[in-house]
Amino acid sequence: MQGDKDLLELGKERALEIISDPETVNMLLAKAKQASPFKNSEPQDVYANRIVGLIKPGEKITIQDIVARVRSQGKSSSDTSVAKITGHAR
């Protein structure tokens, strides 16, 4: 049990070091913002138009294919959101 207490104390000390350094805090916040799923979010109508624009009339395409196309444009996407836009149950 002493090892657990030592580890917790070490963690507290490290956390204080991190939050006491503005440069580190800024770097971590920038990293979190970059990783956020909301970073590249766009209004629903814009997203829907993007999806529709990726599908050629009469084309047989899977939801996964559409997601891959959206992601290849540097935008985030999911099977669920594409299914919702296209009206296909997931």
C-alpha atoms as a PDB file:
ATOM      1  CA  MET A   1       0.000   0.000   0.000  1.00  0.00           C
ATOM      2  CA  GLN A   2       2.911   2.354   0.562  1.00  0.00           C
ATOM      3  CA  GLY A   3       3.758   2.077  -3.133  1.00  0.00           C
ATOM      4  CA  ASP A   4       0.290   3.363  -4.022  1.00  0.00           C
ATOM      5  CA  LYS A   5       0.701   6.347  -1.699  1.00  0.00           C
ATOM      6  CA  ASP A   6       4.130   7.099  -3.129  1.00  0.00           C
ATOM      7  CA  LEU A   7       2.790   6.923  -6.667  1.00  0.00           C
ATOM      8  CA  LEU A   8      -0.103   9.238  -5.808  1.00  0.00           C
ATOM      9  CA  GLU A   9       2.260  11.721  -4.199  1.00  0.00           C
ATOM     10  CA  LEU A  10       4.522  11.614  -7.248  1.00  0.00           C
ATOM     11  CA  GLY A  11       1.504  12.221  -9.479  1.00  0.00           C
ATOM     12  CA  LYS A  12       0.419  15.224  -7.411  1.00  0.00           C
ATOM     13  CA  GLU A  13       3.908  16.695  -7.553  1.00  0.00           C
ATOM     14  CA  ARG A  14       4.100  16.236 -11.310  1.00  0.00           C
ATOM     15  CA  ALA A  15       0.643  17.761 -11.800  1.00  0.00           C
ATOM     16  CA  LEU A  16       1.705  20.836  -9.811  1.00  0.00           C
ATOM     17  CA  GLU A  17       4.851  21.150 -11.940  1.00  0.00           C
ATOM     18  CA  ILE A  18       2.778  20.996 -15.102  1.00  0.00           C
ATOM     19  CA  ILE A  19       0.147  23.549 -14.095  1.00  0.00           C
ATOM     20  CA  SER A  20       2.825  25.876 -12.749  1.00  0.00           C
ATOM     21  CA  ASP A  21       4.456  26.139 -16.171  1.00  0.00           C
ATOM     22  CA  PRO A  22       2.403  28.351 -18.545  1.00  0.00           C
ATOM     23  CA  GLU A  23       4.315  27.124 -21.602  1.00  0.00           C
ATOM     24  CA  THR A  24       3.479  23.499 -20.828  1.00  0.00           C
ATOM     25  CA  VAL A  25      -0.150  24.374 -20.112  1.00  0.00           C
ATOM     26  CA  ASN A  26      -0.453  26.210 -23.436  1.00  0.00           C
ATOM     27  CA  MET A  27       1.134  23.320 -25.300  1.00  0.00           C
ATOM     28  CA  LEU A  28      -1.220  20.800 -23.678  1.00  0.00           C
ATOM     29  CA  LEU A  29      -4.278  22.952 -24.383  1.00  0.00           C
ATOM     30  CA  ALA A  30      -3.226  23.307 -28.028  1.00  0.00           C
ATOM     31  CA  LYS A  31      -2.795  19.528 -28.237  1.00  0.00           C
ATOM     32  CA  ALA A  32      -6.242  18.949 -26.722  1.00  0.00           C
ATOM     33  CA  LYS A  33      -7.821  21.437 -29.103  1.00  0.00           C
ATOM     34  CA  GLN A  34      -6.160  19.732 -32.080  1.00  0.00           C
ATOM     35  CA  ALA A  35      -7.467  16.324 -30.967  1.00  0.00           C
ATOM     36  CA  SER A  36     -10.994  17.586 -30.262  1.00  0.00           C
ATOM     37  CA  PRO A  37     -13.745  16.087 -32.403  1.00  0.00           C
ATOM     38  CA  PHE A  38     -15.343  19.555 -32.451  1.00  0.00           C
ATOM     39  CA  LYS A  39     -12.286  21.225 -33.988  1.00  0.00           C
ATOM     40  CA  ASN A  40     -13.382  20.604 -37.550  1.00  0.00           C
ATOM     41  CA  SER A  41     -17.090  20.531 -36.893  1.00  0.00           C
ATOM     42  CA  GLU A  42     -19.326  22.292 -39.349  1.00  0.00           C
ATOM     43  CA  PRO A  43     -23.036  23.134 -39.442  1.00  0.00           C
ATOM     44  CA  GLN A  44     -25.319  20.183 -40.192  1.00  0.00           C
ATOM     45  CA  ASP A  45     -26.482  21.596 -43.542  1.00  0.00           C
ATOM     46  CA  VAL A  46     -22.893  22.157 -44.706  1.00  0.00           C
ATOM     47  CA  TYR A  47     -21.985  18.621 -43.632  1.00  0.00           C
ATOM     48  CA  ALA A  48     -25.043  17.201 -45.416  1.00  0.00           C
ATOM     49  CA  ASN A  49     -24.137  19.067 -48.614  1.00  0.00           C
ATOM     50  CA  ARG A  50     -20.591  17.722 -48.348  1.00  0.00           C
ATOM     51  CA  ILE A  51     -21.931  14.158 -48.080  1.00  0.00           C
ATOM     52  CA  VAL A  52     -24.336  14.586 -50.995  1.00  0.00           C
ATOM     53  CA  GLY A  53     -21.542  16.088 -53.094  1.00  0.00           C
ATOM     54  CA  LEU A  54     -19.418  13.000 -52.557  1.00  0.00           C
ATOM     55  CA  ILE A  55     -22.017  10.622 -53.988  1.00  0.00           C
ATOM     56  CA  LYS A  56     -22.480  10.350 -57.746  1.00  0.00           C
ATOM     57  CA  PRO A  57     -26.055   9.751 -58.970  1.00  0.00           C
ATOM     58  CA  GLY A  58     -26.781   6.022 -59.102  1.00  0.00           C
ATOM     59  CA  GLU A  59     -23.476   5.151 -57.406  1.00  0.00           C
ATOM     60  CA  LYS A  60     -23.460   2.113 -55.139  1.00  0.00           C
ATOM     61  CA  ILE A  61     -21.458   3.227 -52.121  1.00  0.00           C
ATOM     62  CA  THR A  62     -21.253   2.129 -48.524  1.00  0.00           C
ATOM     63  CA  ILE A  63     -21.410   4.341 -45.478  1.00  0.00           C
ATOM     64  CA  GLN A  64     -17.812   3.381 -44.733  1.00  0.00           C
ATOM     65  CA  ASP A  65     -16.778   4.557 -48.224  1.00  0.00           C
ATOM     66  CA  ILE A  66     -18.437   7.919 -47.641  1.00  0.00           C
ATOM     67  CA  VAL A  67     -16.739   8.284 -44.257  1.00  0.00           C
ATOM     68  CA  ALA A  68     -13.397   7.524 -45.904  1.00  0.00           C
ATOM     69  CA  ARG A  69     -14.034  10.172 -48.564  1.00  0.00           C
ATOM     70  CA  VAL A  70     -14.947  12.788 -45.959  1.00  0.00           C
ATOM     71  CA  ARG A  71     -11.871  11.962 -43.905  1.00  0.00           C
ATOM     72  CA  SER A  72      -9.668  12.142 -47.010  1.00  0.00           C
ATOM     73  CA  GLN A  73     -10.721  15.796 -47.195  1.00  0.00           C
ATOM     74  CA  GLY A  74      -9.329  16.344 -43.692  1.00  0.00           C
ATOM     75  CA  LYS A  75     -12.736  16.473 -42.018  1.00  0.00           C
ATOM     76  CA  SER A  76     -14.005  14.304 -39.207  1.00  0.00           C
ATOM     77  CA  SER A  77     -16.878  11.919 -39.826  1.00  0.00           C
ATOM     78  CA  SER A  78     -18.490   8.807 -38.425  1.00  0.00           C
ATOM     79  CA  ASP A  79     -20.648   5.959 -39.676  1.00  0.00           C
ATOM     80  CA  THR A  80     -23.496   7.189 -37.464  1.00  0.00           C
ATOM     81  CA  SER A  81     -23.472  10.756 -38.755  1.00  0.00           C
ATOM     82  CA  VAL A  82     -23.283   9.634 -42.400  1.00  0.00           C
ATOM     83  CA  ALA A  83     -26.113   7.130 -41.872  1.00  0.00           C
ATOM     84  CA  LYS A  84     -28.217   9.893 -40.371  1.00  0.00           C
ATOM     85  CA  ILE A  85     -27.594  12.197 -43.354  1.00  0.00           C
ATOM     86  CA  THR A  86     -28.166   9.503 -45.981  1.00  0.00           C
ATOM     87  CA  GLY A  87     -31.185   8.009 -44.214  1.00  0.00           C
ATOM     88  CA  HIS A  88     -29.647   4.557 -43.877  1.00  0.00           C
ATOM     89  CA  ALA A  89     -29.968   2.686 -40.615  1.00  0.00           C
ATOM     90  CA  ARG A  90     -26.712   1.674 -39.045  1.00  0.00           C
END
